[in-house]
Amino acid sequence: MIYDTIIIGAGPAGLTAAIYASRYFLSALVIGEKLGGTMSDAHRIENYPGFESISGMELANKMLEQAKSLSAQFVFSSVKRIQRTEKGIFKITTGLTKEEHVFQAHSIIIASGMKRRVLGIQGEKKLLGKGVSYCSTCDAAFFKDKTVAVIGGANAATMSAVHLSQYARKVYLIYRKDRLRGEPTWNKRAVDNDKVKVIFNTNITEIKGENVVKGVELDKEFNGKKELTLDGVFIEIGHLPIKEMAVQLGLELSKKGFIKVDANKKTNIPGVLAAGDITDRKDDFRQVVTAVSDGAIAAKSAFDLKTKKDKITQPDIDYR
């Protein structure tokens, strides 16, 4: 079959696009590698309307259930290729293994989000999964009564430090600048936490250990030493746009690699829409709530494209 729209990415933007597309009676397929995207790594979300506090994975599952109840379909896999035929049909080839599957659609919504930034230092790759982690939500429980460090200074880092303090004996928050740059609420929680010690103006230059993490090398002395003994290192230094599909299609990108869109989430290529963290934002404000808004707008644009192409009248229903 040829879907009305295929949504690439199963984070908040993609899941919301699926909900709205289904309510517009569009046949919609979501293709994503990870339910919830980076949202699923958040152990606590406290700024999403309607929930005083909810985990990222729980919120993702609620969105998934709602989308499925409205007939949206899901395939959890990677996207290998996107092609546009002469007739304007998009062909998406998927496959996490050698087996490939091809899906077709009249329009696509790219909501691929971002991937975690790595430090690129000695020991990081070798000790991944052996004390090095990029997800405190996933791995915090393994460090009960241990000493760990979180690298970074924005929301993800401060949230991770607070979360880890519920398990670890001691948490060092190591940041290269002279002050934290996360939301004031999370900054205060980290600084006021007796288990968390913030080390400013410092970088780590090496993660030490053979089979497991034993510590890190610092670029300046802390308490008279450049080595810090640790059992784990959590790296929270931001994200980079997942732009490979955009490059394949020849979409116009910003200097930082984000997809340029107009107010209706349209790209420079007809039939291709984009939503969420992958899109270029002048304010650089990327939150679950902004991704959700983008997904809703992109789905509306997909419906408008179908309406224009098929020359049909919009159904007289309440879309709220």
C-alpha atoms as a PDB file:
ATOM      1  CA  MET A   1       0.000   0.000   0.000  1.00  0.00           C
ATOM      2  CA  ILE A   2       0.969   3.654  -0.302  1.00  0.00           C
ATOM      3  CA  TYR A   3       0.539   5.495   2.992  1.00  0.00           C
ATOM      4  CA  ASP A   4      -0.677   9.061   3.071  1.00  0.00           C
ATOM      5  CA  THR A   5       2.306   9.918   5.235  1.00  0.00           C
ATOM      6  CA  ILE A   6       5.263   8.154   6.796  1.00  0.00           C
ATOM      7  CA  ILE A   7       6.737   9.630   9.957  1.00  0.00           C
ATOM      8  CA  ILE A   8      10.415   8.954  10.571  1.00  0.00           C
ATOM      9  CA  GLY A   9      11.178   9.049  14.269  1.00  0.00           C
ATOM     10  CA  ALA A  10       9.250   7.851  17.335  1.00  0.00           C
ATOM     11  CA  GLY A  11      10.042  10.687  19.721  1.00  0.00           C
ATOM     12  CA  PRO A  12       7.470  13.234  20.947  1.00  0.00           C
ATOM     13  CA  ALA A  13       7.321  15.004  17.557  1.00  0.00           C
ATOM     14  CA  GLY A  14       6.834  11.775  15.606  1.00  0.00           C
ATOM     15  CA  LEU A  15       4.312  10.323  18.062  1.00  0.00           C
ATOM     16  CA  THR A  16       2.261  13.528  18.074  1.00  0.00           C
ATOM     17  CA  ALA A  17       2.374  13.691  14.285  1.00  0.00           C
ATOM     18  CA  ALA A  18       0.979  10.139  14.247  1.00  0.00           C
ATOM     19  CA  ILE A  19      -1.851  11.109  16.612  1.00  0.00           C
ATOM     20  CA  TYR A  20      -2.842  14.176  14.597  1.00  0.00           C
ATOM     21  CA  ALA A  21      -2.419  12.497  11.212  1.00  0.00           C
ATOM     22  CA  SER A  22      -4.716   9.678  12.330  1.00  0.00           C
ATOM     23  CA  ARG A  23      -7.316  12.149  13.565  1.00  0.00           C
ATOM     24  CA  TYR A  24      -7.199  13.715  10.100  1.00  0.00           C
ATOM     25  CA  PHE A  25      -7.996  10.240   8.719  1.00  0.00           C
ATOM     26  CA  LEU A  26      -4.594   9.929   7.070  1.00  0.00           C
ATOM     27  CA  SER A  27      -3.064   6.481   6.815  1.00  0.00           C
ATOM     28  CA  ALA A  28       0.105   6.947   8.858  1.00  0.00           C
ATOM     29  CA  LEU A  29       3.137   4.781   9.519  1.00  0.00           C
ATOM     30  CA  VAL A  30       5.799   5.635  12.089  1.00  0.00           C
ATOM     31  CA  ILE A  31       9.293   4.252  11.561  1.00  0.00           C
ATOM     32  CA  GLY A  32      11.669   4.681  14.487  1.00  0.00           C
ATOM     33  CA  GLU A  33      14.566   2.919  16.144  1.00  0.00           C
ATOM     34  CA  LYS A  34      13.760   3.931  19.720  1.00  0.00           C
ATOM     35  CA  LEU A  35      10.405   4.685  21.301  1.00  0.00           C
ATOM     36  CA  GLY A  36      10.435   8.151  22.798  1.00  0.00           C
ATOM     37  CA  GLY A  37      13.796   9.148  21.332  1.00  0.00           C
ATOM     38  CA  THR A  38      15.968  11.028  23.811  1.00  0.00           C
ATOM     39  CA  MET A  39      12.822  11.790  25.853  1.00  0.00           C
ATOM     40  CA  SER A  40      12.783   8.174  27.009  1.00  0.00           C
ATOM     41  CA  ASP A  41      16.127   8.700  28.781  1.00  0.00           C
ATOM     42  CA  ALA A  42      14.699  11.367  31.100  1.00  0.00           C
ATOM     43  CA  HIS A  43      14.039   9.834  34.507  1.00  0.00           C
ATOM     44  CA  ARG A  44      11.706  12.708  35.371  1.00  0.00           C
ATOM     45  CA  ILE A  45       9.835  15.317  33.305  1.00  0.00           C
ATOM     46  CA  GLU A  46       8.238  18.083  35.370  1.00  0.00           C
ATOM     47  CA  ASN A  47       7.435  20.741  32.772  1.00  0.00           C
ATOM     48  CA  TYR A  48       5.028  18.919  30.463  1.00  0.00           C
ATOM     49  CA  PRO A  49       1.447  20.225  30.882  1.00  0.00           C
ATOM     50  CA  GLY A  50      -0.930  17.854  32.604  1.00  0.00           C
ATOM     51  CA  PHE A  51       1.711  15.880  34.515  1.00  0.00           C
ATOM     52  CA  GLU A  52       3.275  17.166  37.711  1.00  0.00           C
ATOM     53  CA  SER A  53       5.983  14.539  37.277  1.00  0.00           C
ATOM     54  CA  ILE A  54       6.340  11.667  34.808  1.00  0.00           C
ATOM     55  CA  SER A  55       9.215   9.634  33.431  1.00  0.00           C
ATOM     56  CA  GLY A  56      10.132  10.071  29.785  1.00  0.00           C
ATOM     57  CA  MET A  57       9.448   6.422  28.988  1.00  0.00           C
ATOM     58  CA  GLU A  58       6.043   6.510  30.660  1.00  0.00           C
ATOM     59  CA  LEU A  59       5.066   9.593  28.660  1.00  0.00           C
ATOM     60  CA  ALA A  60       6.304   7.960  25.451  1.00  0.00           C
ATOM     61  CA  ASN A  61       4.213   4.859  26.119  1.00  0.00           C
ATOM     62  CA  LYS A  62       1.114   6.964  26.737  1.00  0.00           C
ATOM     63  CA  MET A  63       1.639   8.714  23.391  1.00  0.00           C
ATOM     64  CA  LEU A  64       2.222   5.360  21.670  1.00  0.00           C
ATOM     65  CA  GLU A  65      -0.987   3.877  23.091  1.00  0.00           C
ATOM     66  CA  GLN A  66      -2.988   6.900  21.971  1.00  0.00           C
ATOM     67  CA  ALA A  67      -1.533   6.828  18.450  1.00  0.00           C
ATOM     68  CA  LYS A  68      -2.234   3.091  18.118  1.00  0.00           C
ATOM     69  CA  SER A  69      -5.791   3.541  19.349  1.00  0.00           C
ATOM     70  CA  LEU A  70      -6.321   5.947  16.441  1.00  0.00           C
ATOM     71  CA  SER A  71      -5.024   3.375  13.890  1.00  0.00           C
ATOM     72  CA  ALA A  72      -1.463   4.667  13.398  1.00  0.00           C
ATOM     73  CA  GLN A  73       0.944   1.861  12.527  1.00  0.00           C
ATOM     74  CA  PHE A  74       4.499   1.394  13.818  1.00  0.00           C
ATOM     75  CA  VAL A  75       7.696  -0.266  12.628  1.00  0.00           C
ATOM     76  CA  PHE A  76      10.660  -0.127  14.977  1.00  0.00           C
ATOM     77  CA  SER A  77      13.657  -0.244  12.689  1.00  0.00           C
ATOM     78  CA  SER A  78      16.333   1.944  11.138  1.00  0.00           C
ATOM     79  CA  VAL A  79      15.935   3.780   7.837  1.00  0.00           C
ATOM     80  CA  LYS A  80      18.579   2.877   5.262  1.00  0.00           C
ATOM     81  CA  ARG A  81      17.414   4.849   2.239  1.00  0.00           C
ATOM     82  CA  ILE A  82      14.835   7.385   1.156  1.00  0.00           C
ATOM     83  CA  GLN A  83      14.080   7.840  -2.534  1.00  0.00           C
ATOM     84  CA  ARG A  84      11.603  10.023  -4.374  1.00  0.00           C
ATOM     85  CA  THR A  85      10.146   8.584  -7.576  1.00  0.00           C
ATOM     86  CA  GLU A  86       9.302  10.564 -10.688  1.00  0.00           C
ATOM     87  CA  LYS A  87       5.652  10.427  -9.663  1.00  0.00           C
ATOM     88  CA  GLY A  88       6.471  12.059  -6.333  1.00  0.00           C
ATOM     89  CA  ILE A  89       6.078   8.909  -4.240  1.00  0.00           C
ATOM     90  CA  PHE A  90       8.585   8.413  -1.435  1.00  0.00           C
ATOM     91  CA  LYS A  91      10.155   4.986  -0.967  1.00  0.00           C
ATOM     92  CA  ILE A  92      11.662   4.281   2.459  1.00  0.00           C
ATOM     93  CA  THR A  93      13.899   1.250   2.877  1.00  0.00           C
ATOM     94  CA  THR A  94      14.309  -0.063   6.411  1.00  0.00           C
ATOM     95  CA  GLY A  95      16.211  -2.854   8.109  1.00  0.00           C
ATOM     96  CA  LEU A  96      18.253  -3.372  11.257  1.00  0.00           C
ATOM     97  CA  THR A  97      19.583  -6.611   9.754  1.00  0.00           C
ATOM     98  CA  LYS A  98      20.329  -7.783   6.208  1.00  0.00           C
ATOM     99  CA  GLU A  99      16.583  -8.171   5.609  1.00  0.00           C
ATOM    100  CA  GLU A 100      15.161  -5.010   4.063  1.00  0.00           C
ATOM    101  CA  HIS A 101      11.603  -3.744   3.803  1.00  0.00           C
ATOM    102  CA  VAL A 102      10.294  -0.968   1.551  1.00  0.00           C
ATOM    103  CA  PHE A 103       7.408   1.318   2.455  1.00  0.00           C
ATOM    104  CA  GLN A 104       5.820   4.002   0.274  1.00  0.00           C
ATOM    105  CA  ALA A 105       4.052   7.278   1.041  1.00  0.00           C
ATOM    106  CA  HIS A 106       2.776  10.426  -0.602  1.00  0.00           C
ATOM    107  CA  SER A 107       4.502  12.582   2.034  1.00  0.00           C
ATOM    108  CA  ILE A 108       7.036  12.115   4.801  1.00  0.00           C
ATOM    109  CA  ILE A 109       7.589  13.835   8.125  1.00  0.00           C
ATOM    110  CA  ILE A 110      11.176  13.695   9.339  1.00  0.00           C
ATOM    111  CA  ALA A 111      11.244  13.735  13.135  1.00  0.00           C
ATOM    112  CA  SER A 112      14.560  11.959  13.595  1.00  0.00           C
ATOM    113  CA  GLY A 113      15.683  14.111  16.516  1.00  0.00           C
ATOM    114  CA  MET A 114      19.230  14.150  17.790  1.00  0.00           C
ATOM    115  CA  LYS A 115      21.941  11.760  18.940  1.00  0.00           C
ATOM    116  CA  ARG A 116      24.228  12.054  21.919  1.00  0.00           C
ATOM    117  CA  ARG A 117      27.488  13.952  21.599  1.00  0.00           C
ATOM    118  CA  VAL A 118      30.625  12.054  22.632  1.00  0.00           C
ATOM    119  CA  LEU A 119      33.775  13.374  24.267  1.00  0.00           C
ATOM    120  CA  GLY A 120      36.135  11.558  21.895  1.00  0.00           C
ATOM    121  CA  ILE A 121      38.777  10.951  24.562  1.00  0.00           C
ATOM    122  CA  GLN A 122      40.926   7.943  25.379  1.00  0.00           C
ATOM    123  CA  GLY A 123      39.072   5.196  27.233  1.00  0.00           C
ATOM    124  CA  GLU A 124      35.571   6.424  26.377  1.00  0.00           C
ATOM    125  CA  LYS A 125      34.801   3.920  23.650  1.00  0.00           C
ATOM    126  CA  LYS A 126      36.732   1.034  25.214  1.00  0.00           C
ATOM    127  CA  LEU A 127      34.911   1.314  28.538  1.00  0.00           C
ATOM    128  CA  LEU A 128      31.429   1.964  27.168  1.00  0.00           C
ATOM    129  CA  GLY A 129      29.101  -0.337  29.092  1.00  0.00           C
ATOM    130  CA  LYS A 130      31.887  -1.033  31.580  1.00  0.00           C
ATOM    131  CA  GLY A 131      31.355   2.076  33.660  1.00  0.00           C
ATOM    132  CA  VAL A 132      30.934   4.619  30.868  1.00  0.00           C
ATOM    133  CA  SER A 133      27.305   5.491  30.164  1.00  0.00           C
ATOM    134  CA  TYR A 134      25.245   8.095  28.316  1.00  0.00           C
ATOM    135  CA  CYS A 135      22.028   7.333  30.199  1.00  0.00           C
ATOM    136  CA  SER A 136      21.602   7.659  33.963  1.00  0.00           C
ATOM    137  CA  THR A 137      17.981   6.544  33.673  1.00  0.00           C
ATOM    138  CA  CYS A 138      19.173   3.273  32.179  1.00  0.00           C
ATOM    139  CA  ASP A 139      22.205   2.585  34.372  1.00  0.00           C
ATOM    140  CA  ALA A 140      21.962   4.487  37.680  1.00  0.00           C
ATOM    141  CA  ALA A 141      20.850   1.412  39.656  1.00  0.00           C
ATOM    142  CA  PHE A 142      24.117  -0.368  38.791  1.00  0.00           C
ATOM    143  CA  PHE A 143      26.074   2.192  40.825  1.00  0.00           C
ATOM    144  CA  LYS A 144      24.524   1.783  44.252  1.00  0.00           C
ATOM    145  CA  ASP A 145      26.960   3.031  46.919  1.00  0.00           C
ATOM    146  CA  LYS A 146      29.568   3.785  44.230  1.00  0.00           C
ATOM    147  CA  THR A 147      31.375   7.000  43.287  1.00  0.00           C
ATOM    148  CA  VAL A 148      30.538   8.413  39.873  1.00  0.00           C
ATOM    149  CA  ALA A 149      31.001  11.537  37.774  1.00  0.00           C
ATOM    150  CA  VAL A 150      28.648  13.324  35.418  1.00  0.00           C
ATOM    151  CA  ILE A 151      30.274  15.323  32.624  1.00  0.00           C
ATOM    152  CA  GLY A 152      28.354  18.402  31.477  1.00  0.00           C
ATOM    153  CA  GLY A 153      26.552  21.434  32.833  1.00  0.00           C
ATOM    154  CA  ALA A 154      23.125  21.749  31.189  1.00  0.00           C
ATOM    155  CA  ASN A 155      19.770  20.205  32.137  1.00  0.00           C
ATOM    156  CA  ALA A 156      20.662  16.648  31.170  1.00  0.00           C
ATOM    157  CA  ALA A 157      23.770  16.778  33.364  1.00  0.00           C
ATOM    158  CA  THR A 158      22.142  18.325  36.430  1.00  0.00           C
ATOM    159  CA  MET A 159      19.160  15.981  36.176  1.00  0.00           C
ATOM    160  CA  SER A 160      21.506  12.998  35.885  1.00  0.00           C
ATOM    161  CA  ALA A 161      23.529  14.132  38.895  1.00  0.00           C
ATOM    162  CA  VAL A 162      20.397  14.424  41.047  1.00  0.00           C
ATOM    163  CA  HIS A 163      19.075  11.093  39.811  1.00  0.00           C
ATOM    164  CA  LEU A 164      22.382   9.317  40.436  1.00  0.00           C
ATOM    165  CA  SER A 165      22.531  10.724  43.966  1.00  0.00           C
ATOM    166  CA  GLN A 166      19.604   8.454  44.819  1.00  0.00           C
ATOM    167  CA  TYR A 167      21.892   5.454  44.267  1.00  0.00           C
ATOM    168  CA  ALA A 168      25.547   6.491  44.389  1.00  0.00           C
ATOM    169  CA  ARG A 169      27.529   7.363  47.483  1.00  0.00           C
ATOM    170  CA  LYS A 170      29.144  10.395  45.795  1.00  0.00           C
ATOM    171  CA  VAL A 171      28.501  12.230  42.523  1.00  0.00           C
ATOM    172  CA  TYR A 172      30.983  14.633  40.954  1.00  0.00           C
ATOM    173  CA  LEU A 173      29.499  17.034  38.403  1.00  0.00           C
ATOM    174  CA  ILE A 174      32.393  18.122  36.183  1.00  0.00           C
ATOM    175  CA  TYR A 175      31.862  21.094  33.900  1.00  0.00           C
ATOM    176  CA  ARG A 176      34.247  23.007  31.661  1.00  0.00           C
ATOM    177  CA  LYS A 177      32.682  26.418  32.362  1.00  0.00           C
ATOM    178  CA  ASP A 178      32.390  28.548  35.505  1.00  0.00           C
ATOM    179  CA  ARG A 179      28.651  28.132  36.061  1.00  0.00           C
ATOM    180  CA  LEU A 180      25.868  25.671  35.275  1.00  0.00           C
ATOM    181  CA  ARG A 181      23.631  26.563  32.351  1.00  0.00           C
ATOM    182  CA  GLY A 182      20.583  24.390  32.992  1.00  0.00           C
ATOM    183  CA  GLU A 183      17.195  25.479  34.263  1.00  0.00           C
ATOM    184  CA  PRO A 184      17.489  27.253  37.640  1.00  0.00           C
ATOM    185  CA  THR A 185      15.367  24.587  39.361  1.00  0.00           C
ATOM    186  CA  TRP A 186      17.672  21.749  38.348  1.00  0.00           C
ATOM    187  CA  ASN A 187      20.825  23.800  38.959  1.00  0.00           C
ATOM    188  CA  LYS A 188      19.685  24.442  42.527  1.00  0.00           C
ATOM    189  CA  ARG A 189      18.784  20.809  43.140  1.00  0.00           C
ATOM    190  CA  ALA A 190      22.238  19.719  42.058  1.00  0.00           C
ATOM    191  CA  VAL A 191      24.154  22.383  43.982  1.00  0.00           C
ATOM    192  CA  ASP A 192      22.077  21.914  47.168  1.00  0.00           C
ATOM    193  CA  ASN A 193      22.435  18.123  47.110  1.00  0.00           C
ATOM    194  CA  ASP A 194      24.868  16.937  49.804  1.00  0.00           C
ATOM    195  CA  LYS A 195      25.952  13.986  47.646  1.00  0.00           C
ATOM    196  CA  VAL A 196      26.795  16.148  44.618  1.00  0.00           C
ATOM    197  CA  LYS A 197      30.076  18.046  44.311  1.00  0.00           C
ATOM    198  CA  VAL A 198      30.398  20.442  41.355  1.00  0.00           C
ATOM    199  CA  ILE A 199      33.852  20.897  39.822  1.00  0.00           C
ATOM    200  CA  PHE A 200      33.907  23.977  37.575  1.00  0.00           C
ATOM    201  CA  ASN A 201      36.358  25.077  34.838  1.00  0.00           C
ATOM    202  CA  THR A 202      37.597  21.522  34.387  1.00  0.00           C
ATOM    203  CA  ASN A 203      37.708  18.957  31.563  1.00  0.00           C
ATOM    204  CA  ILE A 204      38.435  15.253  31.693  1.00  0.00           C
ATOM    205  CA  THR A 205      41.164  14.195  29.278  1.00  0.00           C
ATOM    206  CA  GLU A 206      41.096  10.415  29.748  1.00  0.00           C
ATOM    207  CA  ILE A 207      38.902   7.726  31.266  1.00  0.00           C
ATOM    208  CA  LYS A 208      41.093   5.198  33.039  1.00  0.00           C
ATOM    209  CA  GLY A 209      40.620   1.479  33.550  1.00  0.00           C
ATOM    210  CA  GLU A 210      41.276  -1.826  31.832  1.00  0.00           C
ATOM    211  CA  ASN A 211      38.097  -3.885  32.130  1.00  0.00           C
ATOM    212  CA  VAL A 212      36.070  -1.382  34.171  1.00  0.00           C
ATOM    213  CA  VAL A 213      36.252   2.330  34.916  1.00  0.00           C
ATOM    214  CA  LYS A 214      38.739   3.172  37.648  1.00  0.00           C
ATOM    215  CA  GLY A 215      38.859   6.942  37.345  1.00  0.00           C
ATOM    216  CA  VAL A 216      39.498   9.938  35.125  1.00  0.00           C
ATOM    217  CA  GLU A 217      42.384  12.255  34.305  1.00  0.00           C
ATOM    218  CA  LEU A 218      41.601  15.969  34.758  1.00  0.00           C
ATOM    219  CA  ASP A 219      43.182  18.866  32.887  1.00  0.00           C
ATOM    220  CA  LYS A 220      43.806  20.691  36.183  1.00  0.00           C
ATOM    221  CA  GLU A 221      44.236  19.735  39.791  1.00  0.00           C
ATOM    222  CA  PHE A 222      41.301  19.043  42.092  1.00  0.00           C
ATOM    223  CA  ASN A 223      42.162  18.665  45.784  1.00  0.00           C
ATOM    224  CA  GLY A 224      45.833  18.576  44.805  1.00  0.00           C
ATOM    225  CA  LYS A 225      45.513  15.801  42.210  1.00  0.00           C
ATOM    226  CA  LYS A 226      44.805  15.508  38.487  1.00  0.00           C
ATOM    227  CA  GLU A 227      43.369  12.005  38.870  1.00  0.00           C
ATOM    228  CA  LEU A 228      39.940  11.311  40.304  1.00  0.00           C
ATOM    229  CA  THR A 229      39.044   7.789  41.447  1.00  0.00           C
ATOM    230  CA  LEU A 230      35.637   6.710  40.141  1.00  0.00           C
ATOM    231  CA  ASP A 231      33.459   3.678  39.481  1.00  0.00           C
ATOM    232  CA  GLY A 232      31.446   5.229  36.678  1.00  0.00           C
ATOM    233  CA  VAL A 233      31.341   8.131  34.208  1.00  0.00           C
ATOM    234  CA  PHE A 234      28.083   9.510  32.805  1.00  0.00           C
ATOM    235  CA  ILE A 235      28.533  11.731  29.744  1.00  0.00           C
ATOM    236  CA  GLU A 236      25.857  14.409  29.286  1.00  0.00           C
ATOM    237  CA  ILE A 237      27.350  17.015  26.956  1.00  0.00           C
ATOM    238  CA  GLY A 238      24.530  17.609  24.532  1.00  0.00           C
ATOM    239  CA  HIS A 239      23.330  16.256  21.211  1.00  0.00           C
ATOM    240  CA  LEU A 240      23.909  16.495  17.473  1.00  0.00           C
ATOM    241  CA  PRO A 241      21.176  16.446  14.782  1.00  0.00           C
ATOM    242  CA  ILE A 242      20.535  13.115  13.066  1.00  0.00           C
ATOM    243  CA  LYS A 243      20.801  14.574   9.586  1.00  0.00           C
ATOM    244  CA  GLU A 244      21.776  11.629   7.368  1.00  0.00           C
ATOM    245  CA  MET A 245      18.294  11.312   5.842  1.00  0.00           C
ATOM    246  CA  ALA A 246      18.106  15.043   5.248  1.00  0.00           C
ATOM    247  CA  VAL A 247      21.421  14.939   3.419  1.00  0.00           C
ATOM    248  CA  GLN A 248      20.212  11.980   1.307  1.00  0.00           C
ATOM    249  CA  LEU A 249      17.178  13.944   0.191  1.00  0.00           C
ATOM    250  CA  GLY A 250      19.067  17.176  -0.405  1.00  0.00           C
ATOM    251  CA  LEU A 251      17.166  19.185   2.204  1.00  0.00           C
ATOM    252  CA  GLU A 252      18.352  22.666   3.043  1.00  0.00           C
ATOM    253  CA  LEU A 253      20.236  22.631   6.357  1.00  0.00           C
ATOM    254  CA  SER A 254      21.483  25.260   8.777  1.00  0.00           C
ATOM    255  CA  LYS A 255      25.202  25.647   9.474  1.00  0.00           C
ATOM    256  CA  LYS A 256      24.776  23.365  12.492  1.00  0.00           C
ATOM    257  CA  GLY A 257      23.052  20.661  10.430  1.00  0.00           C
ATOM    258  CA  PHE A 258      19.404  21.229  11.387  1.00  0.00           C
ATOM    259  CA  ILE A 259      16.643  21.088   8.761  1.00  0.00           C
ATOM    260  CA  LYS A 260      15.285  24.457   7.685  1.00  0.00           C
ATOM    261  CA  VAL A 261      11.483  24.629   7.713  1.00  0.00           C
ATOM    262  CA  ASP A 262       8.822  27.299   7.306  1.00  0.00           C
ATOM    263  CA  ALA A 263       6.004  28.023   9.764  1.00  0.00           C
ATOM    264  CA  ASN A 264       4.075  25.005   8.435  1.00  0.00           C
ATOM    265  CA  LYS A 265       7.098  22.689   8.841  1.00  0.00           C
ATOM    266  CA  LYS A 266       7.606  22.426   5.098  1.00  0.00           C
ATOM    267  CA  THR A 267      11.126  21.933   3.758  1.00  0.00           C
ATOM    268  CA  ASN A 268      12.591  22.999   0.435  1.00  0.00           C
ATOM    269  CA  ILE A 269      11.433  19.705  -1.154  1.00  0.00           C
ATOM    270  CA  PRO A 270       7.691  19.272  -1.874  1.00  0.00           C
ATOM    271  CA  GLY A 271       6.109  16.535   0.203  1.00  0.00           C
ATOM    272  CA  VAL A 272       8.853  16.542   2.828  1.00  0.00           C
ATOM    273  CA  LEU A 273       8.017  17.999   6.237  1.00  0.00           C
ATOM    274  CA  ALA A 274      10.146  18.081   9.377  1.00  0.00           C
ATOM    275  CA  ALA A 275       9.340  18.423  13.063  1.00  0.00           C
ATOM    276  CA  GLY A 276      10.956  18.433  16.482  1.00  0.00           C
ATOM    277  CA  ASP A 277      14.583  18.668  17.536  1.00  0.00           C
ATOM    278  CA  ILE A 278      15.909  18.022  14.019  1.00  0.00           C
ATOM    279  CA  THR A 279      14.528  21.365  12.810  1.00  0.00           C
ATOM    280  CA  ASP A 280      16.378  24.663  12.885  1.00  0.00           C
ATOM    281  CA  ARG A 281      15.140  26.917  15.675  1.00  0.00           C
ATOM    282  CA  LYS A 282      16.307  30.505  16.049  1.00  0.00           C
ATOM    283  CA  ASP A 283      15.723  30.357  19.798  1.00  0.00           C
ATOM    284  CA  ASP A 284      17.546  26.991  20.073  1.00  0.00           C
ATOM    285  CA  PHE A 285      14.794  26.000  22.533  1.00  0.00           C
ATOM    286  CA  ARG A 286      14.244  22.260  22.230  1.00  0.00           C
ATOM    287  CA  GLN A 287      11.766  20.763  24.673  1.00  0.00           C
ATOM    288  CA  VAL A 288       9.190  17.968  24.649  1.00  0.00           C
ATOM    289  CA  VAL A 289       6.431  20.565  24.431  1.00  0.00           C
ATOM    290  CA  THR A 290       7.977  22.298  21.389  1.00  0.00           C
ATOM    291  CA  ALA A 291       8.474  18.953  19.662  1.00  0.00           C
ATOM    292  CA  VAL A 292       4.829  18.056  20.286  1.00  0.00           C
ATOM    293  CA  SER A 293       3.730  21.373  18.771  1.00  0.00           C
ATOM    294  CA  ASP A 294       5.896  20.775  15.695  1.00  0.00           C
ATOM    295  CA  GLY A 295       4.468  17.288  15.219  1.00  0.00           C
ATOM    296  CA  ALA A 296       0.897  18.569  15.278  1.00  0.00           C
ATOM    297  CA  ILE A 297       1.660  21.307  12.739  1.00  0.00           C
ATOM    298  CA  ALA A 298       3.516  18.895  10.430  1.00  0.00           C
ATOM    299  CA  ALA A 299       0.561  16.482  10.457  1.00  0.00           C
ATOM    300  CA  LYS A 300      -1.805  19.312   9.561  1.00  0.00           C
ATOM    301  CA  SER A 301       0.469  20.222   6.646  1.00  0.00           C
ATOM    302  CA  ALA A 302       0.485  16.581   5.498  1.00  0.00           C
ATOM    303  CA  PHE A 303      -3.303  16.675   5.511  1.00  0.00           C
ATOM    304  CA  ASP A 304      -3.323  19.957   3.559  1.00  0.00           C
ATOM    305  CA  LEU A 305      -1.048  18.380   0.951  1.00  0.00           C
ATOM    306  CA  LYS A 306      -3.445  15.462   0.536  1.00  0.00           C
ATOM    307  CA  THR A 307      -6.450  17.789   0.397  1.00  0.00           C
ATOM    308  CA  LYS A 308      -4.830  19.862  -2.331  1.00  0.00           C
ATOM    309  CA  LYS A 309      -3.658  16.843  -4.313  1.00  0.00           C
ATOM    310  CA  ASP A 310      -6.949  14.934  -4.134  1.00  0.00           C
ATOM    311  CA  LYS A 311      -9.079  18.089  -4.410  1.00  0.00           C
ATOM    312  CA  ILE A 312     -11.251  16.965  -1.529  1.00  0.00           C
ATOM    313  CA  THR A 313     -13.237  18.954   0.990  1.00  0.00           C
ATOM    314  CA  GLN A 314     -12.087  18.780   4.597  1.00  0.00           C
ATOM    315  CA  PRO A 315     -14.413  16.586   6.664  1.00  0.00           C
ATOM    316  CA  ASP A 316     -16.698  18.497   8.979  1.00  0.00           C
ATOM    317  CA  ILE A 317     -15.325  17.198  12.297  1.00  0.00           C
ATOM    318  CA  ASP A 318     -13.812  18.697  15.413  1.00  0.00           C
ATOM    319  CA  TYR A 319     -10.051  18.064  15.426  1.00  0.00           C
ATOM    320  CA  ARG A 320      -9.416  19.356  18.896  1.00  0.00           C
END
